Full PDB file with SEQRES, HELIX, SHEET, SSBOND, CRYST1, ORIGX, SCALE, CONECT and MASTER records, all heavy atoms in Angstrom:
SEQRES   1 A   34  SER THR ASN ASN TYR LEU LYS ARG GLU SER GLY ASN LEU          
SEQRES   2 A   34  PRO ASP GLY ALA THR ALA VAL ALA ASP GLN GLN THR GLY          
SEQRES   3 A   34  GLY ARG GLY ARG LEU GLY ARG SER                              
HELIX    1 AA1 THR A    2  ARG A    8  1                                   7    
HELIX    2 AA2 SER A   10  ASN A   12  5                                   3    
HELIX    3 AA3 ARG A   30  GLY A   32  5                                   3    
CRYST1    1.000    1.000    1.000  90.00  90.00  90.00 P 1           1          
ORIGX1      1.000000  0.000000  0.000000        0.00000                         
ORIGX2      0.000000  1.000000  0.000000        0.00000                         
ORIGX3      0.000000  0.000000  1.000000        0.00000                         
SCALE1      1.000000  0.000000  0.000000        0.00000                         
SCALE2      0.000000  1.000000  0.000000        0.00000                         
SCALE3      0.000000  0.000000  1.000000        0.00000                         
ATOM      1  N   SER A   1     -14.095 -20.418  -4.717  1.00  0.00           N  
ATOM      2  CA  SER A   1     -13.156 -19.376  -5.116  1.00  0.00           C  
ATOM      3  C   SER A   1     -13.522 -18.931  -6.527  1.00  0.00           C  
ATOM      4  O   SER A   1     -13.717 -19.770  -7.405  1.00  0.00           O  
ATOM      5  CB  SER A   1     -11.711 -19.907  -5.082  1.00  0.00           C  
ATOM      6  OG  SER A   1     -10.859 -19.153  -5.920  1.00  0.00           O  
ATOM      7  N   THR A   2     -13.623 -17.633  -6.743  1.00  0.00           N  
ATOM      8  CA  THR A   2     -13.942 -17.150  -8.089  1.00  0.00           C  
ATOM      9  C   THR A   2     -12.815 -17.469  -9.062  1.00  0.00           C  
ATOM     10  O   THR A   2     -13.060 -17.754 -10.234  1.00  0.00           O  
ATOM     11  CB  THR A   2     -14.243 -15.642  -8.083  1.00  0.00           C  
ATOM     12  OG1 THR A   2     -13.156 -14.935  -7.462  1.00  0.00           O  
ATOM     13  CG2 THR A   2     -15.535 -15.350  -7.332  1.00  0.00           C  
ATOM     14  N   ASN A   3     -11.567 -17.448  -8.593  1.00  0.00           N  
ATOM     15  CA  ASN A   3     -10.458 -17.864  -9.458  1.00  0.00           C  
ATOM     16  C   ASN A   3     -10.611 -19.320  -9.868  1.00  0.00           C  
ATOM     17  O   ASN A   3     -10.479 -19.679 -11.050  1.00  0.00           O  
ATOM     18  CB  ASN A   3      -9.118 -17.675  -8.742  1.00  0.00           C  
ATOM     19  CG  ASN A   3      -8.435 -16.360  -9.096  1.00  0.00           C  
ATOM     20  OD1 ASN A   3      -9.094 -15.339  -9.299  1.00  0.00           O  
ATOM     21  ND2 ASN A   3      -7.117 -16.369  -9.167  1.00  0.00           N  
ATOM     22  N   ASN A   4     -10.878 -20.183  -8.888  1.00  0.00           N  
ATOM     23  CA  ASN A   4     -11.022 -21.609  -9.190  1.00  0.00           C  
ATOM     24  C   ASN A   4     -12.166 -21.857 -10.159  1.00  0.00           C  
ATOM     25  O   ASN A   4     -12.069 -22.695 -11.065  1.00  0.00           O  
ATOM     26  CB  ASN A   4     -11.248 -22.404  -7.903  1.00  0.00           C  
ATOM     27  CG  ASN A   4      -9.994 -22.533  -7.068  1.00  0.00           C  
ATOM     28  OD1 ASN A   4      -8.896 -22.200  -7.521  1.00  0.00           O  
ATOM     29  ND2 ASN A   4     -10.141 -23.004  -5.846  1.00  0.00           N  
ATOM     30  N   TYR A   5     -13.267 -21.133  -9.963  1.00  0.00           N  
ATOM     31  CA  TYR A   5     -14.421 -21.320 -10.842  1.00  0.00           C  
ATOM     32  C   TYR A   5     -14.056 -20.993 -12.288  1.00  0.00           C  
ATOM     33  O   TYR A   5     -14.365 -21.771 -13.208  1.00  0.00           O  
ATOM     34  CB  TYR A   5     -15.583 -20.446 -10.389  1.00  0.00           C  
ATOM     35  CG  TYR A   5     -16.734 -20.455 -11.372  1.00  0.00           C  
ATOM     36  CD1 TYR A   5     -17.585 -21.551 -11.477  1.00  0.00           C  
ATOM     37  CD2 TYR A   5     -16.940 -19.381 -12.237  1.00  0.00           C  
ATOM     38  CE1 TYR A   5     -18.619 -21.570 -12.404  1.00  0.00           C  
ATOM     39  CE2 TYR A   5     -17.969 -19.395 -13.162  1.00  0.00           C  
ATOM     40  CZ  TYR A   5     -18.798 -20.492 -13.242  1.00  0.00           C  
ATOM     41  OH  TYR A   5     -19.814 -20.513 -14.168  1.00  0.00           O  
ATOM     42  N   LEU A   6     -13.416 -19.871 -12.530  1.00  0.00           N  
ATOM     43  CA  LEU A   6     -13.078 -19.494 -13.907  1.00  0.00           C  
ATOM     44  C   LEU A   6     -12.046 -20.442 -14.506  1.00  0.00           C  
ATOM     45  O   LEU A   6     -12.091 -20.727 -15.705  1.00  0.00           O  
ATOM     46  CB  LEU A   6     -12.558 -18.056 -13.936  1.00  0.00           C  
ATOM     47  CG  LEU A   6     -13.600 -16.961 -13.651  1.00  0.00           C  
ATOM     48  CD1 LEU A   6     -12.963 -15.585 -13.783  1.00  0.00           C  
ATOM     49  CD2 LEU A   6     -14.810 -17.071 -14.575  1.00  0.00           C  
ATOM     50  N   LYS A   7     -11.137 -20.946 -13.698  1.00  0.00           N  
ATOM     51  CA  LYS A   7     -10.175 -21.923 -14.224  1.00  0.00           C  
ATOM     52  C   LYS A   7     -10.882 -23.226 -14.593  1.00  0.00           C  
ATOM     53  O   LYS A   7     -10.588 -23.812 -15.641  1.00  0.00           O  
ATOM     54  CB  LYS A   7      -9.067 -22.172 -13.201  1.00  0.00           C  
ATOM     55  CG  LYS A   7      -8.108 -20.988 -13.049  1.00  0.00           C  
ATOM     56  CD  LYS A   7      -6.878 -21.333 -12.232  1.00  0.00           C  
ATOM     57  CE  LYS A   7      -7.215 -21.649 -10.804  1.00  0.00           C  
ATOM     58  NZ  LYS A   7      -5.995 -21.950  -9.996  1.00  0.00           N  
ATOM     59  N   ARG A   8     -11.811 -23.663 -13.757  1.00  0.00           N  
ATOM     60  CA  ARG A   8     -12.552 -24.890 -14.061  1.00  0.00           C  
ATOM     61  C   ARG A   8     -13.361 -24.751 -15.343  1.00  0.00           C  
ATOM     62  O   ARG A   8     -13.464 -25.684 -16.134  1.00  0.00           O  
ATOM     63  CB  ARG A   8     -13.495 -25.243 -12.910  1.00  0.00           C  
ATOM     64  CG  ARG A   8     -12.852 -25.794 -11.673  1.00  0.00           C  
ATOM     65  CD  ARG A   8     -13.877 -26.432 -10.747  1.00  0.00           C  
ATOM     66  NE  ARG A   8     -14.918 -25.515 -10.308  1.00  0.00           N  
ATOM     67  CZ  ARG A   8     -14.885 -24.824  -9.177  1.00  0.00           C  
ATOM     68  NH1 ARG A   8     -13.843 -24.918  -8.369  1.00  0.00           N  
ATOM     69  NH2 ARG A   8     -15.898 -24.035  -8.856  1.00  0.00           N  
ATOM     70  N   GLU A   9     -13.954 -23.585 -15.536  1.00  0.00           N  
ATOM     71  CA  GLU A   9     -14.862 -23.371 -16.660  1.00  0.00           C  
ATOM     72  C   GLU A   9     -14.210 -22.629 -17.816  1.00  0.00           C  
ATOM     73  O   GLU A   9     -14.904 -22.186 -18.736  1.00  0.00           O  
ATOM     74  CB  GLU A   9     -16.086 -22.583 -16.175  1.00  0.00           C  
ATOM     75  CG  GLU A   9     -16.906 -23.269 -15.106  1.00  0.00           C  
ATOM     76  CD  GLU A   9     -17.533 -24.551 -15.619  1.00  0.00           C  
ATOM     77  OE1 GLU A   9     -17.941 -24.596 -16.802  1.00  0.00           O  
ATOM     78  OE2 GLU A   9     -17.612 -25.526 -14.840  1.00  0.00           O  
ATOM     79  N   SER A  10     -12.904 -22.497 -17.808  1.00  0.00           N  
ATOM     80  CA  SER A  10     -12.224 -21.665 -18.808  1.00  0.00           C  
ATOM     81  C   SER A  10     -12.527 -22.096 -20.234  1.00  0.00           C  
ATOM     82  O   SER A  10     -12.602 -21.253 -21.139  1.00  0.00           O  
ATOM     83  CB  SER A  10     -10.711 -21.677 -18.560  1.00  0.00           C  
ATOM     84  OG  SER A  10     -10.193 -22.998 -18.668  1.00  0.00           O  
ATOM     85  N   GLY A  11     -12.705 -23.387 -20.464  1.00  0.00           N  
ATOM     86  CA  GLY A  11     -12.989 -23.863 -21.810  1.00  0.00           C  
ATOM     87  C   GLY A  11     -14.369 -23.508 -22.310  1.00  0.00           C  
ATOM     88  O   GLY A  11     -14.633 -23.589 -23.527  1.00  0.00           O  
ATOM     89  N   ASN A  12     -15.258 -23.098 -21.410  1.00  0.00           N  
ATOM     90  CA  ASN A  12     -16.640 -22.800 -21.783  1.00  0.00           C  
ATOM     91  C   ASN A  12     -16.982 -21.316 -21.726  1.00  0.00           C  
ATOM     92  O   ASN A  12     -18.118 -20.943 -22.022  1.00  0.00           O  
ATOM     93  CB  ASN A  12     -17.601 -23.544 -20.839  1.00  0.00           C  
ATOM     94  CG  ASN A  12     -17.352 -25.038 -20.821  1.00  0.00           C  
ATOM     95  OD1 ASN A  12     -17.178 -25.655 -21.861  1.00  0.00           O  
ATOM     96  ND2 ASN A  12     -17.327 -25.618 -19.637  1.00  0.00           N  
ATOM     97  N   LEU A  13     -16.007 -20.489 -21.347  1.00  0.00           N  
ATOM     98  CA  LEU A  13     -16.295 -19.085 -21.113  1.00  0.00           C  
ATOM     99  C   LEU A  13     -15.510 -18.185 -22.064  1.00  0.00           C  
ATOM    100  O   LEU A  13     -14.387 -18.509 -22.449  1.00  0.00           O  
ATOM    101  CB  LEU A  13     -15.946 -18.713 -19.664  1.00  0.00           C  
ATOM    102  CG  LEU A  13     -16.793 -19.389 -18.584  1.00  0.00           C  
ATOM    103  CD1 LEU A  13     -16.235 -19.074 -17.211  1.00  0.00           C  
ATOM    104  CD2 LEU A  13     -18.251 -18.954 -18.683  1.00  0.00           C  
ATOM    105  N   PRO A  14     -16.068 -17.018 -22.409  1.00  0.00           N  
ATOM    106  CA  PRO A  14     -15.391 -16.103 -23.330  1.00  0.00           C  
ATOM    107  C   PRO A  14     -14.347 -15.240 -22.632  1.00  0.00           C  
ATOM    108  O   PRO A  14     -14.331 -15.126 -21.401  1.00  0.00           O  
ATOM    109  CB  PRO A  14     -16.542 -15.239 -23.855  1.00  0.00           C  
ATOM    110  CG  PRO A  14     -17.498 -15.185 -22.701  1.00  0.00           C  
ATOM    111  CD  PRO A  14     -17.421 -16.547 -22.062  1.00  0.00           C  
ATOM    112  N   ASP A  15     -13.510 -14.635 -23.429  1.00  0.00           N  
ATOM    113  CA  ASP A  15     -12.564 -13.645 -22.935  1.00  0.00           C  
ATOM    114  C   ASP A  15     -13.330 -12.535 -22.214  1.00  0.00           C  
ATOM    115  O   ASP A  15     -14.333 -12.032 -22.712  1.00  0.00           O  
ATOM    116  CB  ASP A  15     -11.790 -13.068 -24.127  1.00  0.00           C  
ATOM    117  CG  ASP A  15     -10.692 -12.112 -23.712  1.00  0.00           C  
ATOM    118  OD1 ASP A  15     -10.200 -12.237 -22.577  1.00  0.00           O  
ATOM    119  OD2 ASP A  15     -10.309 -11.257 -24.536  1.00  0.00           O  
ATOM    120  N   GLY A  16     -12.875 -12.182 -21.025  1.00  0.00           N  
ATOM    121  CA  GLY A  16     -13.529 -11.141 -20.250  1.00  0.00           C  
ATOM    122  C   GLY A  16     -14.599 -11.643 -19.294  1.00  0.00           C  
ATOM    123  O   GLY A  16     -15.172 -10.850 -18.538  1.00  0.00           O  
ATOM    124  N   ALA A  17     -14.891 -12.957 -19.315  1.00  0.00           N  
ATOM    125  CA  ALA A  17     -15.897 -13.515 -18.409  1.00  0.00           C  
ATOM    126  C   ALA A  17     -15.532 -13.195 -16.963  1.00  0.00           C  
ATOM    127  O   ALA A  17     -14.374 -13.284 -16.557  1.00  0.00           O  
ATOM    128  CB  ALA A  17     -16.019 -15.017 -18.602  1.00  0.00           C  
ATOM    129  N   THR A  18     -16.538 -12.836 -16.182  1.00  0.00           N  
ATOM    130  CA  THR A  18     -16.306 -12.352 -14.822  1.00  0.00           C  
ATOM    131  C   THR A  18     -17.202 -13.087 -13.833  1.00  0.00           C  
ATOM    132  O   THR A  18     -18.391 -13.285 -14.086  1.00  0.00           O  
ATOM    133  CB  THR A  18     -16.592 -10.839 -14.741  1.00  0.00           C  
ATOM    134  OG1 THR A  18     -15.715 -10.156 -15.646  1.00  0.00           O  
ATOM    135  CG2 THR A  18     -16.371 -10.307 -13.336  1.00  0.00           C  
ATOM    136  N   ALA A  19     -16.604 -13.493 -12.726  1.00  0.00           N  
ATOM    137  CA  ALA A  19     -17.342 -14.120 -11.635  1.00  0.00           C  
ATOM    138  C   ALA A  19     -17.209 -13.244 -10.399  1.00  0.00           C  
ATOM    139  O   ALA A  19     -16.101 -12.835 -10.032  1.00  0.00           O  
ATOM    140  CB  ALA A  19     -16.802 -15.515 -11.347  1.00  0.00           C  
ATOM    141  N   VAL A  20     -18.341 -12.940  -9.764  1.00  0.00           N  
ATOM    142  CA  VAL A  20     -18.381 -12.131  -8.550  1.00  0.00           C  
ATOM    143  C   VAL A  20     -19.056 -12.951  -7.463  1.00  0.00           C  
ATOM    144  O   VAL A  20     -20.049 -13.636  -7.724  1.00  0.00           O  
ATOM    145  CB  VAL A  20     -19.167 -10.820  -8.778  1.00  0.00           C  
ATOM    146  CG1 VAL A  20     -19.249 -10.005  -7.491  1.00  0.00           C  
ATOM    147  CG2 VAL A  20     -18.539  -9.999  -9.896  1.00  0.00           C  
ATOM    148  N   ALA A  21     -18.540 -12.880  -6.245  1.00  0.00           N  
ATOM    149  CA  ALA A  21     -19.125 -13.645  -5.148  1.00  0.00           C  
ATOM    150  C   ALA A  21     -19.311 -12.776  -3.915  1.00  0.00           C  
ATOM    151  O   ALA A  21     -18.480 -11.902  -3.618  1.00  0.00           O  
ATOM    152  CB  ALA A  21     -18.252 -14.852  -4.802  1.00  0.00           C  
ATOM    153  N   ASP A  22     -20.390 -13.034  -3.197  1.00  0.00           N  
ATOM    154  CA  ASP A  22     -20.633 -12.391  -1.908  1.00  0.00           C  
ATOM    155  C   ASP A  22     -19.813 -13.060  -0.821  1.00  0.00           C  
ATOM    156  O   ASP A  22     -19.455 -12.430   0.180  1.00  0.00           O  
ATOM    157  CB  ASP A  22     -22.125 -12.484  -1.571  1.00  0.00           C  
ATOM    158  CG  ASP A  22     -22.460 -11.833  -0.245  1.00  0.00           C  
ATOM    159  OD1 ASP A  22     -22.239 -10.618  -0.123  1.00  0.00           O  
ATOM    160  OD2 ASP A  22     -22.943 -12.533   0.669  1.00  0.00           O  
ATOM    161  N   GLN A  23     -19.490 -14.339  -1.016  1.00  0.00           N  
ATOM    162  CA  GLN A  23     -18.719 -15.090  -0.032  1.00  0.00           C  
ATOM    163  C   GLN A  23     -17.894 -16.152  -0.742  1.00  0.00           C  
ATOM    164  O   GLN A  23     -18.346 -16.751  -1.718  1.00  0.00           O  
ATOM    165  CB  GLN A  23     -19.651 -15.761   0.976  1.00  0.00           C  
ATOM    166  CG  GLN A  23     -18.939 -16.609   2.024  1.00  0.00           C  
ATOM    167  CD  GLN A  23     -19.910 -17.387   2.895  1.00  0.00           C  
ATOM    168  OE1 GLN A  23     -20.937 -17.874   2.407  1.00  0.00           O  
ATOM    169  NE2 GLN A  23     -19.622 -17.507   4.175  1.00  0.00           N  
ATOM    170  N   GLN A  24     -16.663 -16.364  -0.260  1.00  0.00           N  
ATOM    171  CA  GLN A  24     -15.837 -17.470  -0.732  1.00  0.00           C  
ATOM    172  C   GLN A  24     -15.510 -18.382   0.447  1.00  0.00           C  
ATOM    173  O   GLN A  24     -15.196 -17.902   1.535  1.00  0.00           O  
ATOM    174  CB  GLN A  24     -14.521 -16.967  -1.337  1.00  0.00           C  
ATOM    175  CG  GLN A  24     -14.662 -16.171  -2.614  1.00  0.00           C  
ATOM    176  CD  GLN A  24     -13.311 -15.774  -3.180  1.00  0.00           C  
ATOM    177  OE1 GLN A  24     -13.021 -16.003  -4.342  1.00  0.00           O  
ATOM    178  NE2 GLN A  24     -12.467 -15.152  -2.360  1.00  0.00           N  
ATOM    179  N   THR A  25     -15.586 -19.672   0.201  1.00  0.00           N  
ATOM    180  CA  THR A  25     -15.233 -20.615   1.259  1.00  0.00           C  
ATOM    181  C   THR A  25     -13.785 -21.063   1.167  1.00  0.00           C  
ATOM    182  O   THR A  25     -13.262 -21.659   2.105  1.00  0.00           O  
ATOM    183  CB  THR A  25     -16.143 -21.857   1.199  1.00  0.00           C  
ATOM    184  OG1 THR A  25     -16.020 -22.472  -0.094  1.00  0.00           O  
ATOM    185  CG2 THR A  25     -17.598 -21.462   1.434  1.00  0.00           C  
ATOM    186  N   GLY A  26     -13.139 -20.784   0.027  1.00  0.00           N  
ATOM    187  CA  GLY A  26     -11.748 -21.190  -0.151  1.00  0.00           C  
ATOM    188  C   GLY A  26     -10.921 -20.121  -0.829  1.00  0.00           C  
ATOM    189  O   GLY A  26     -10.086 -20.414  -1.681  1.00  0.00           O  
ATOM    190  N   GLY A  27     -11.145 -18.852  -0.442  1.00  0.00           N  
ATOM    191  CA  GLY A  27     -10.396 -17.752  -1.038  1.00  0.00           C  
ATOM    192  C   GLY A  27      -8.910 -17.875  -0.753  1.00  0.00           C  
ATOM    193  O   GLY A  27      -8.499 -18.267   0.345  1.00  0.00           O  
ATOM    194  N   ARG A  28      -8.093 -17.543  -1.762  1.00  0.00           N  
ATOM    195  CA  ARG A  28      -6.643 -17.677  -1.624  1.00  0.00           C  
ATOM    196  C   ARG A  28      -5.940 -16.376  -2.001  1.00  0.00           C  
ATOM    197  O   ARG A  28      -6.405 -15.622  -2.850  1.00  0.00           O  
ATOM    198  CB  ARG A  28      -6.105 -18.789  -2.540  1.00  0.00           C  
ATOM    199  CG  ARG A  28      -6.562 -20.173  -2.187  1.00  0.00           C  
ATOM    200  CD  ARG A  28      -6.037 -21.191  -3.180  1.00  0.00           C  
ATOM    201  NE  ARG A  28      -6.562 -20.967  -4.534  1.00  0.00           N  
ATOM    202  CZ  ARG A  28      -5.839 -20.533  -5.561  1.00  0.00           C  
ATOM    203  NH1 ARG A  28      -4.562 -20.248  -5.394  1.00  0.00           N  
ATOM    204  NH2 ARG A  28      -6.398 -20.376  -6.752  1.00  0.00           N  
ATOM    205  N   GLY A  29      -4.793 -16.167  -1.355  1.00  0.00           N  
ATOM    206  CA  GLY A  29      -3.921 -15.061  -1.714  1.00  0.00           C  
ATOM    207  C   GLY A  29      -2.615 -15.595  -2.273  1.00  0.00           C  
ATOM    208  O   GLY A  29      -2.527 -16.760  -2.684  1.00  0.00           O  
ATOM    209  N   ARG A  30      -1.602 -14.745  -2.308  1.00  0.00           N  
ATOM    210  CA  ARG A  30      -0.303 -15.174  -2.809  1.00  0.00           C  
ATOM    211  C   ARG A  30       0.312 -16.230  -1.895  1.00  0.00           C  
ATOM    212  O   ARG A  30       0.046 -16.292  -0.709  1.00  0.00           O  
ATOM    213  CB  ARG A  30       0.651 -13.982  -2.918  1.00  0.00           C  
ATOM    214  CG  ARG A  30       0.240 -12.967  -3.964  1.00  0.00           C  
ATOM    215  CD  ARG A  30       1.204 -11.800  -4.047  1.00  0.00           C  
ATOM    216  NE  ARG A  30       2.524 -12.235  -4.500  1.00  0.00           N  
ATOM    217  CZ  ARG A  30       3.619 -12.200  -3.757  1.00  0.00           C  
ATOM    218  NH1 ARG A  30       3.557 -11.773  -2.506  1.00  0.00           N  
ATOM    219  NH2 ARG A  30       4.773 -12.594  -4.254  1.00  0.00           N  
ATOM    220  N   LEU A  31       1.161 -17.062  -2.499  1.00  0.00           N  
ATOM    221  CA  LEU A  31       1.907 -18.105  -1.787  1.00  0.00           C  
ATOM    222  C   LEU A  31       0.987 -19.078  -1.067  1.00  0.00           C  
ATOM    223  O   LEU A  31       1.366 -19.677  -0.059  1.00  0.00           O  
ATOM    224  CB  LEU A  31       2.898 -17.473  -0.796  1.00  0.00           C  
ATOM    225  CG  LEU A  31       3.894 -16.460  -1.386  1.00  0.00           C  
ATOM    226  CD1 LEU A  31       4.779 -15.878  -0.308  1.00  0.00           C  
ATOM    227  CD2 LEU A  31       4.743 -17.131  -2.478  1.00  0.00           C  
ATOM    228  N   GLY A  32      -0.236 -19.246  -1.588  1.00  0.00           N  
ATOM    229  CA  GLY A  32      -1.164 -20.215  -1.034  1.00  0.00           C  
ATOM    230  C   GLY A  32      -1.825 -19.807   0.259  1.00  0.00           C  
ATOM    231  O   GLY A  32      -2.519 -20.619   0.887  1.00  0.00           O  
ATOM    232  N   ARG A  33      -1.640 -18.557   0.677  1.00  0.00           N  
ATOM    233  CA  ARG A  33      -2.267 -18.098   1.910  1.00  0.00           C  
ATOM    234  C   ARG A  33      -3.777 -18.025   1.726  1.00  0.00           C  
ATOM    235  O   ARG A  33      -4.277 -17.733   0.649  1.00  0.00           O  
ATOM    236  CB  ARG A  33      -1.732 -16.725   2.293  1.00  0.00           C  
ATOM    237  CG  ARG A  33      -0.221 -16.684   2.551  1.00  0.00           C  
ATOM    238  CD  ARG A  33       0.170 -15.290   3.017  1.00  0.00           C  
ATOM    239  NE  ARG A  33       1.607 -15.195   3.241  1.00  0.00           N  
ATOM    240  CZ  ARG A  33       2.424 -14.390   2.575  1.00  0.00           C  
ATOM    241  NH1 ARG A  33       1.938 -13.602   1.624  1.00  0.00           N  
ATOM    242  NH2 ARG A  33       3.706 -14.349   2.837  1.00  0.00           N  
ATOM    243  N   SER A  34      -4.512 -18.227   2.820  1.00  0.00           N  
ATOM    244  CA  SER A  34      -5.961 -18.082   2.751  1.00  0.00           C  
ATOM    245  C   SER A  34      -6.319 -16.602   2.734  1.00  0.00           C  
ATOM    246  O   SER A  34      -5.578 -15.758   3.257  1.00  0.00           O  
ATOM    247  CB  SER A  34      -6.630 -18.776   3.932  1.00  0.00           C  
ATOM    248  OG  SER A  34      -6.245 -18.155   5.146  1.00  0.00           O  
TER     249      SER A  34                                                      
MASTER        0    0    0    3    0    0    0    6  248    1    0    3          
END                                                                             
């Protein structure tokens, strides 16, 4: 998940850091929906 990646690496990344993916294996929406 690009969200999960940025949260994991938040301490090492600058403001505005962006992650883009062609595929997610654990993409999530609101209320924990896949």
